[in-house]
C-alpha atoms as a PDB file:
ATOM      1  CA  VAL A   1       0.000  -0.028  -0.030  1.00  0.00           C
ATOM      2  CA  GLN A   2       1.544   3.245  -1.146  1.00  0.00           C
ATOM      3  CA  LEU A   3       0.631   6.752  -1.883  1.00  0.00           C
ATOM      4  CA  GLN A   4       2.848   8.952  -3.966  1.00  0.00           C
ATOM      5  CA  ALA A   5       2.452  12.704  -3.787  1.00  0.00           C
ATOM      6  CA  SER A   6       3.849  14.912  -6.614  1.00  0.00           C
ATOM      7  CA  GLY A   7       3.570  18.269  -8.276  1.00  0.00           C
ATOM      8  CA  GLY A   8       5.164  20.597  -5.617  1.00  0.00           C
ATOM      9  CA  GLY A   9       7.527  23.337  -6.435  1.00  0.00           C
ATOM     10  CA  LEU A  10       8.503  26.977  -6.267  1.00  0.00           C
ATOM     11  CA  VAL A  11       5.885  29.518  -7.346  1.00  0.00           C
ATOM     12  CA  GLN A  12       5.351  33.141  -7.116  1.00  0.00           C
ATOM     13  CA  PRO A  13       2.512  34.646  -5.224  1.00  0.00           C
ATOM     14  CA  GLY A  14      -0.665  34.448  -7.302  1.00  0.00           C
ATOM     15  CA  GLY A  15       0.577  31.468  -9.260  1.00  0.00           C
ATOM     16  CA  SER A  16      -0.849  28.013  -9.460  1.00  0.00           C
ATOM     17  CA  LEU A  17       0.307  24.414  -8.842  1.00  0.00           C
ATOM     18  CA  ARG A  18      -1.445  21.032  -9.356  1.00  0.00           C
ATOM     19  CA  LEU A  19      -0.606  18.372  -6.835  1.00  0.00           C
ATOM     20  CA  SER A  20      -1.293  14.691  -7.618  1.00  0.00           C
ATOM     21  CA  CYS A  21      -1.741  11.719  -5.346  1.00  0.00           C
ATOM     22  CA  ALA A  22      -1.345   8.188  -6.939  1.00  0.00           C
ATOM     23  CA  ALA A  23      -1.899   5.046  -5.234  1.00  0.00           C
ATOM     24  CA  SER A  24      -0.569   1.598  -5.671  1.00  0.00           C
ATOM     25  CA  GLY A  25      -1.565  -1.557  -3.956  1.00  0.00           C
ATOM     26  CA  PHE A  26      -5.027  -0.489  -3.268  1.00  0.00           C
ATOM     27  CA  THR A  27      -8.036   1.294  -4.662  1.00  0.00           C
ATOM     28  CA  LEU A  28      -8.494   4.918  -3.699  1.00  0.00           C
ATOM     29  CA  ASP A  29     -12.268   4.971  -4.300  1.00  0.00           C
ATOM     30  CA  TYR A  30     -12.910   2.958  -1.198  1.00  0.00           C
ATOM     31  CA  TYR A  31     -11.396   5.718   0.977  1.00  0.00           C
ATOM     32  CA  ALA A  32     -11.845   9.398   1.665  1.00  0.00           C
ATOM     33  CA  ILE A  33      -8.772  11.056   0.446  1.00  0.00           C
ATOM     34  CA  GLY A  34      -7.232  14.084   2.071  1.00  0.00           C
ATOM     35  CA  TRP A  35      -4.690  16.810   1.393  1.00  0.00           C
ATOM     36  CA  PHE A  36      -2.823  17.952   4.554  1.00  0.00           C
ATOM     37  CA  ARG A  37      -0.073  20.367   4.953  1.00  0.00           C
ATOM     38  CA  GLN A  38       2.672  21.108   7.597  1.00  0.00           C
ATOM     39  CA  ALA A  39       4.636  24.226   7.767  1.00  0.00           C
ATOM     40  CA  PRO A  40       7.744  24.496   9.966  1.00  0.00           C
ATOM     41  CA  GLY A  41       6.890  24.761  13.641  1.00  0.00           C
ATOM     42  CA  LYS A  42       3.230  24.119  12.935  1.00  0.00           C
ATOM     43  CA  GLU A  43       0.836  21.313  13.217  1.00  0.00           C
ATOM     44  CA  ARG A  44      -0.348  19.246  10.358  1.00  0.00           C
ATOM     45  CA  GLU A  45      -3.591  20.533   9.042  1.00  0.00           C
ATOM     46  CA  GLY A  46      -6.368  19.301   6.783  1.00  0.00           C
ATOM     47  CA  VAL A  47      -6.494  21.437   3.553  1.00  0.00           C
ATOM     48  CA  SER A  48      -9.070  19.580   1.577  1.00  0.00           C
ATOM     49  CA  CYS A  49     -10.763  16.169   1.715  1.00  0.00           C
ATOM     50  CA  ILE A  50     -12.957  14.269  -0.730  1.00  0.00           C
ATOM     51  CA  SER A  51     -15.404  11.615   0.377  1.00  0.00           C
ATOM     52  CA  SER A  52     -15.393   7.986  -0.957  1.00  0.00           C
ATOM     53  CA  SER A  53     -19.226   7.925  -1.208  1.00  0.00           C
ATOM     54  CA  ASP A  54     -20.599  11.002  -3.016  1.00  0.00           C
ATOM     55  CA  GLY A  55     -17.389  12.923  -3.811  1.00  0.00           C
ATOM     56  CA  SER A  56     -18.386  15.699  -1.596  1.00  0.00           C
ATOM     57  CA  ALA A  57     -15.505  17.991  -0.534  1.00  0.00           C
ATOM     58  CA  PHE A  58     -14.308  19.756   2.437  1.00  0.00           C
ATOM     59  CA  TYR A  59     -11.975  22.848   2.218  1.00  0.00           C
ATOM     60  CA  ARG A  60     -10.544  24.659   5.060  1.00  0.00           C
ATOM     61  CA  ASP A  61     -11.654  28.377   5.111  1.00  0.00           C
ATOM     62  CA  SER A  62      -8.382  29.781   4.156  1.00  0.00           C
ATOM     63  CA  VAL A  63      -8.295  27.847   0.786  1.00  0.00           C
ATOM     64  CA  LYS A  64     -12.046  28.119  -0.183  1.00  0.00           C
ATOM     65  CA  GLY A  65     -12.398  29.470  -3.702  1.00  0.00           C
ATOM     66  CA  ARG A  66      -8.728  28.984  -4.584  1.00  0.00           C
ATOM     67  CA  PHE A  67      -8.121  25.218  -4.200  1.00  0.00           C
ATOM     68  CA  THR A  68     -10.242  22.397  -5.851  1.00  0.00           C
ATOM     69  CA  ILE A  69      -9.873  18.669  -4.955  1.00  0.00           C
ATOM     70  CA  SER A  70     -10.851  16.003  -7.548  1.00  0.00           C
ATOM     71  CA  ARG A  71     -10.642  12.366  -7.907  1.00  0.00           C
ATOM     72  CA  ASP A  72     -10.277  10.102 -11.009  1.00  0.00           C
ATOM     73  CA  ASN A  73     -11.121   6.631 -10.014  1.00  0.00           C
ATOM     74  CA  ALA A  74     -10.257   5.223 -13.430  1.00  0.00           C
ATOM     75  CA  LYS A  75      -6.572   6.434 -12.913  1.00  0.00           C
ATOM     76  CA  ASN A  76      -6.662   5.804  -9.159  1.00  0.00           C
ATOM     77  CA  THR A  77      -5.474   9.340  -8.452  1.00  0.00           C
ATOM     78  CA  VAL A  78      -6.676  12.425  -6.595  1.00  0.00           C
ATOM     79  CA  ALA A  79      -5.686  15.892  -7.488  1.00  0.00           C
ATOM     80  CA  LEU A  80      -5.413  19.148  -5.751  1.00  0.00           C
ATOM     81  CA  GLN A  81      -5.515  22.238  -8.054  1.00  0.00           C
ATOM     82  CA  MET A  82      -4.216  25.356  -6.187  1.00  0.00           C
ATOM     83  CA  ASN A  83      -4.708  28.779  -7.667  1.00  0.00           C
ATOM     84  CA  SER A  84      -3.960  32.284  -6.314  1.00  0.00           C
ATOM     85  CA  LEU A  85      -1.367  30.830  -4.156  1.00  0.00           C
ATOM     86  CA  LYS A  86      -0.151  32.894  -1.080  1.00  0.00           C
ATOM     87  CA  PRO A  87       3.158  32.848   0.848  1.00  0.00           C
ATOM     88  CA  GLU A  88       1.160  31.258   3.796  1.00  0.00           C
ATOM     89  CA  ASP A  89       0.323  28.234   1.615  1.00  0.00           C
ATOM     90  CA  THR A  90       4.021  27.354   1.893  1.00  0.00           C
ATOM     91  CA  ALA A  91       4.358  23.941   3.493  1.00  0.00           C
ATOM     92  CA  VAL A  92       4.970  20.179   2.756  1.00  0.00           C
ATOM     93  CA  TYR A  93       1.796  18.757   1.438  1.00  0.00           C
ATOM     94  CA  TYR A  94       0.814  15.253   2.105  1.00  0.00           C
ATOM     95  CA  CYS A  95      -1.971  13.065   0.767  1.00  0.00           C
ATOM     96  CA  ALA A  96      -3.545  10.372   2.768  1.00  0.00           C
ATOM     97  CA  ALA A  97      -6.377   7.702   2.617  1.00  0.00           C
ATOM     98  CA  GLY A  98      -8.754   7.118   5.399  1.00  0.00           C
ATOM     99  CA  GLY A  99     -11.455   9.468   6.625  1.00  0.00           C
ATOM    100  CA  PRO A 100     -14.347   9.979   6.823  1.00  0.00           C
ATOM    101  CA  GLY A 101     -13.590  13.488   8.110  1.00  0.00           C
ATOM    102  CA  CYS A 102     -10.600  15.704   7.430  1.00  0.00           C
ATOM    103  CA  SER A 103      -8.555  15.515  10.569  1.00  0.00           C
ATOM    104  CA  PRO A 104      -5.117  13.897  10.289  1.00  0.00           C
ATOM    105  CA  HIS A 105      -5.742  11.390  13.115  1.00  0.00           C
ATOM    106  CA  GLU A 106      -8.522   9.873  10.879  1.00  0.00           C
ATOM    107  CA  TYR A 107      -6.159   8.818   8.138  1.00  0.00           C
ATOM    108  CA  ASP A 108      -4.154   5.651   8.108  1.00  0.00           C
ATOM    109  CA  TYR A 109      -2.151   5.731   4.841  1.00  0.00           C
ATOM    110  CA  TRP A 110       0.138   8.540   4.039  1.00  0.00           C
ATOM    111  CA  GLY A 111       2.279   9.576   1.109  1.00  0.00           C
ATOM    112  CA  GLN A 112       5.750  11.001   1.476  1.00  0.00           C
ATOM    113  CA  GLY A 113       4.863  14.723   1.098  1.00  0.00           C
ATOM    114  CA  THR A 114       5.741  17.282  -1.606  1.00  0.00           C
ATOM    115  CA  GLN A 115       7.159  20.726  -0.907  1.00  0.00           C
ATOM    116  CA  VAL A 116       5.196  23.856  -1.975  1.00  0.00           C
ATOM    117  CA  THR A 117       6.949  27.261  -1.637  1.00  0.00           C
ATOM    118  CA  VAL A 118       5.136  30.361  -2.540  1.00  0.00           C
ATOM    119  CA  SER A 119       7.673  33.142  -2.811  1.00  0.00           C
ATOM    120  CA  SER A 120       8.703  36.126  -4.959  1.00  0.00           C
END
């Protein structure tokens, strides 16, 4: 069972990145999938999560209207489209499988993380 997060990088404020989470060894559509982030000195927090049942999504307030989570069950991937990025979005981003909510303690399977840096 593995999750692989990719797509991070360095981007200027106002820019966009698309993160992807790919699974191997299991089928993502049986799980809620979440994107979490952790900045230096801060706790890991839920950014956006998508349910396994009806595809409903949760977004933390600070990313609403800027980030969009989506799942492609045929490709066994979940993406996080991040637009209008801000310096405060800088963190290591992780994808995880579990749920049903969007708190880190509810998730059992974690990817390795991808660094997102928003800076001019």
